[in-house]
Protein backbone atom coordinates (compact mmCIF):
# COMPACT_ATOMS: atom_id res chain seq x y z
CA MET A 1 7.25 -6.41 -6.66
CA LYS A 2 3.02 -6.42 -7.44
CA ILE A 3 1.63 -9.37 -5.26
CA GLY A 4 -1.98 -10.83 -5.80
CA LEU A 5 -3.79 -11.66 -2.95
CA TYR A 6 -6.12 -14.59 -3.17
CA PHE A 7 -8.02 -15.37 0.43
CA GLY A 8 -9.73 -18.61 1.00
CA THR A 9 -10.06 -21.51 3.17
CA PHE A 10 -8.30 -23.77 1.00
CA ASN A 11 -10.36 -26.51 2.93
CA PRO A 12 -9.05 -28.41 1.08
CA ILE A 13 -7.19 -26.30 -1.77
CA HIS A 14 -8.01 -27.76 -5.04
CA VAL A 15 -7.59 -27.85 -8.89
CA GLY A 16 -9.95 -24.87 -9.36
CA HIS A 17 -8.17 -22.54 -7.18
CA LEU A 18 -4.68 -23.47 -9.01
CA ILE A 19 -6.29 -22.79 -12.20
CA ILE A 20 -7.01 -19.38 -11.55
CA ALA A 21 -4.05 -18.53 -9.50
CA ASN A 22 -1.66 -19.43 -12.29
CA HIS A 23 -3.98 -17.53 -15.25
CA MET A 24 -3.63 -14.48 -12.91
CA ALA A 25 0.08 -14.94 -12.57
CA GLU A 26 0.48 -15.50 -16.04
CA HIS A 27 -2.55 -13.21 -17.69
CA THR A 28 -1.80 -10.26 -15.64
CA ASP A 29 0.51 -7.53 -14.60
CA LEU A 30 0.99 -9.82 -10.99
CA ASP A 31 4.43 -10.96 -10.51
CA GLN A 32 3.10 -13.27 -7.95
CA ILE A 33 0.20 -14.91 -6.19
CA TRP A 34 0.12 -15.22 -2.58
CA LEU A 35 -2.61 -17.94 -1.49
CA VAL A 36 -3.52 -16.56 1.54
CA VAL A 37 -5.46 -19.04 4.13
CA THR A 38 -7.93 -17.80 6.05
CA PRO A 39 -7.83 -18.94 9.47
CA HIS A 40 -10.57 -20.50 11.38
CA ASN A 41 -13.15 -18.10 12.68
CA PRO A 42 -13.28 -18.23 16.50
CA LEU A 43 -16.85 -16.92 15.96
CA LYS A 44 -18.01 -19.57 14.15
CA LYS A 45 -18.79 -23.12 14.17
CA LYS A 46 -15.79 -25.26 13.47
CA SER A 47 -17.69 -27.80 11.60
CA THR A 48 -15.28 -29.71 8.75
CA LEU A 49 -12.72 -26.52 8.94
CA LEU A 50 -9.15 -28.44 9.09
CA ASP A 51 -6.58 -26.79 11.38
CA ASP A 52 -4.75 -23.73 10.22
CA TYR A 53 -1.73 -25.18 9.50
CA HIS A 54 -2.91 -28.53 7.92
CA ARG A 55 -4.70 -26.11 5.41
CA LEU A 56 -1.32 -24.27 4.71
CA GLN A 57 0.36 -27.26 4.74
CA MET A 58 -1.70 -28.30 1.35
CA VAL A 59 -1.30 -25.01 -0.17
CA PHE A 60 2.49 -25.30 0.01
CA LEU A 61 1.82 -28.96 -1.27
CA ALA A 62 0.03 -27.72 -4.26
CA THR A 63 2.07 -24.55 -5.27
CA GLU A 64 5.41 -25.77 -4.60
CA ASP A 65 5.97 -26.37 -8.39
CA TYR A 66 4.68 -23.20 -9.22
CA PRO A 67 7.25 -20.31 -8.74
CA LYS A 68 4.72 -17.40 -8.98
CA LEU A 69 2.47 -19.07 -6.49
CA LYS A 70 3.38 -18.57 -2.91
CA PRO A 71 1.27 -19.99 0.59
CA SER A 72 0.63 -17.23 3.11
CA ASP A 73 -0.10 -17.51 6.45
CA ILE A 74 -0.21 -13.89 7.17
CA GLU A 75 -3.81 -13.69 8.87
CA PHE A 76 -2.89 -16.70 10.87
CA LYS A 77 -1.09 -13.68 13.54
CA LEU A 78 -3.31 -11.19 13.42
CA SER A 79 -6.25 -10.86 15.64
CA GLN A 80 -9.43 -12.57 15.37
CA PRO A 81 -12.07 -12.39 13.20
CA ASN A 82 -10.14 -10.10 11.03
CA TYR A 83 -11.15 -8.16 8.16
CA THR A 84 -9.04 -7.64 4.49
CA VAL A 85 -8.68 -4.16 5.45
CA ASN A 86 -6.38 -5.12 8.30
CA THR A 87 -4.52 -7.56 6.62
CA LEU A 88 -3.83 -4.99 3.95
CA VAL A 89 -2.53 -2.23 6.41
CA HIS A 90 -0.28 -4.96 7.76
CA LEU A 91 1.09 -6.30 4.59
CA GLU A 92 1.93 -2.53 3.50
CA GLU A 93 4.01 -2.26 6.68
CA LYS A 94 5.47 -5.06 6.51
CA TYR A 95 6.30 -5.17 2.88
CA PRO A 96 6.57 -1.47 1.87
CA SER A 97 8.50 -1.99 -1.71
CA HIS A 98 5.31 -4.32 -2.59
CA GLU A 99 1.91 -3.35 -4.29
CA PHE A 100 -0.60 -5.16 -2.80
CA SER A 101 -3.65 -6.39 -5.25
CA LEU A 102 -6.90 -8.53 -4.55
CA ILE A 103 -8.36 -11.70 -6.15
CA MET A 104 -11.82 -12.17 -6.08
CA GLY A 105 -14.57 -14.08 -8.16
CA GLU A 106 -17.54 -11.84 -9.27
CA ASP A 107 -19.66 -13.66 -6.21
CA ASN A 108 -17.73 -11.76 -3.59
CA LEU A 109 -17.60 -8.37 -5.70
CA LYS A 110 -21.08 -7.89 -5.54
CA SER A 111 -20.80 -7.39 -2.10
CA PHE A 112 -17.72 -6.12 -1.64
CA HIS A 113 -19.52 -2.79 -1.07
CA LYS A 114 -20.64 -4.29 2.65
CA TRP A 115 -16.70 -5.01 3.47
CA LYS A 116 -15.57 -3.23 6.15
CA ASN A 117 -13.58 0.19 4.63
CA TYR A 118 -14.26 -1.08 1.02
CA GLU A 119 -13.94 2.45 -0.17
CA ALA A 120 -10.39 2.70 1.50
CA ILE A 121 -9.52 -0.68 0.04
CA LEU A 122 -10.61 0.65 -3.40
CA GLU A 123 -9.14 3.82 -3.21
CA HIS A 124 -5.64 1.96 -2.57
CA HIS A 125 -5.37 -1.14 -3.99
CA ASP A 126 -6.31 -2.73 -7.60
CA ILE A 127 -8.95 -5.88 -7.76
CA TYR A 128 -8.80 -8.40 -10.09
CA VAL A 129 -11.92 -10.33 -10.72
CA TYR A 130 -12.28 -14.04 -12.01
CA PRO A 131 -15.87 -14.94 -13.72
CA ARG A 132 -18.31 -17.11 -11.81
CA ILE A 133 -21.18 -19.10 -13.74
CA SER A 134 -23.30 -17.98 -10.82
CA SER A 135 -22.64 -14.38 -11.66
CA GLU A 136 -24.36 -11.62 -13.55
CA VAL A 137 -21.86 -9.05 -13.97
CA GLU A 138 -23.96 -6.78 -15.33
CA ASN A 139 -25.46 -5.72 -12.12
CA ILE A 140 -22.66 -5.04 -10.63
CA GLU A 141 -22.20 -0.71 -10.18
CA LEU A 142 -18.70 -1.45 -9.29
CA LYS A 143 -17.56 -3.36 -12.19
CA ASN A 144 -16.64 0.27 -14.12
CA HIS A 145 -14.43 1.26 -11.59
CA PRO A 146 -11.10 2.10 -12.46
CA LYS A 147 -9.17 0.06 -10.02
CA ILE A 148 -11.66 -3.26 -10.92
CA HIS A 149 -9.82 -5.22 -13.66
CA LEU A 150 -12.08 -7.99 -15.13
CA ILE A 151 -10.47 -10.83 -15.99
CA ASP A 152 -11.40 -13.38 -18.45
CA ALA A 153 -10.19 -16.42 -16.86
CA PRO A 154 -11.30 -19.98 -17.20
CA VAL A 155 -14.65 -20.71 -15.08
CA VAL A 156 -13.87 -23.22 -12.63
CA GLU A 157 -16.97 -24.68 -11.01
CA ILE A 158 -15.16 -26.67 -8.46
CA SER A 159 -16.24 -26.35 -4.60
CA SER A 160 -14.46 -27.67 -1.67
CA THR A 161 -17.45 -28.88 -0.14
CA PHE A 162 -18.12 -30.90 -3.27
CA ILE A 163 -14.63 -32.60 -2.48
CA ARG A 164 -15.49 -32.77 1.25
CA ASN A 165 -18.65 -34.57 0.97
CA ASN A 166 -17.40 -36.84 -1.90
CA ILE A 167 -14.47 -38.12 0.14
CA LYS A 168 -17.05 -38.58 3.00
CA SER A 169 -18.97 -40.82 0.64
CA GLY A 170 -15.91 -42.74 -0.46
CA LYS A 171 -16.04 -41.47 -4.23
CA ASN A 172 -12.84 -40.87 -6.33
CA ILE A 173 -12.33 -36.91 -6.42
CA ARG A 174 -8.30 -37.61 -7.06
CA PRO A 175 -8.65 -35.52 -10.61
CA LEU A 176 -9.77 -32.57 -8.60
CA LEU A 177 -6.62 -32.86 -6.27
CA THR A 178 -2.92 -32.24 -7.02
CA GLU A 179 -1.44 -35.64 -6.08
CA LYS A 180 0.40 -34.53 -3.26
CA VAL A 181 -2.82 -33.40 -1.71
CA TRP A 182 -4.70 -36.07 -2.34
CA GLU A 183 -1.97 -37.99 -0.58
CA TYR A 184 -2.06 -35.74 2.39
CA ILE A 185 -5.46 -36.03 2.60
CA ASP A 186 -5.91 -39.85 2.05
CA HIS A 187 -2.98 -40.42 4.85
CA ASN A 188 -4.46 -38.19 7.39
CA LEU A 189 -7.73 -39.37 6.71
CA PHE A 190 -9.27 -36.08 6.52
CA TYR A 191 -12.85 -35.33 5.81
CA LYS A 192 -14.09 -39.42 6.13
CA LYS A 193 -16.20 -38.68 8.95
């Protein structure tokens, strides 16, 4: 089975995340997309980042009606701070019959050469890249690498920061979230302060 790994804090997960994940599931050779919830880095200030399990629960609620999209807490069990290369090694050991690929925006591809052991990642894993308005793909030297696949996905410029700020300001942002995620946030009074 070919699995696309879509990493994020998902604080909160919104319809933009789902549009990208579903597009990758439906318009590439990936069989499933695992939305990997990145745990809180203990070396960074927590600020508005919800607890890991609240963010995982929201990803579960957002994806439960999409059979090809799966929430993943795989990084919760790894030592922090964690690097993507370590997560990939762990997944390959745990699921030897699966083939893992990465999903990232063009903005992340620009800095991919700064990732720990990025050459090893590129050697063993495909990378599916979705467009971002803020990117200039022409300047990315890795774009022609045989393991890099530029996917003509919808450009979605919704940010979790925008959602959190608007909840705090009392604005109605319900169309940007699935109904179950909105209810979970509203019930728990998340992002109000």
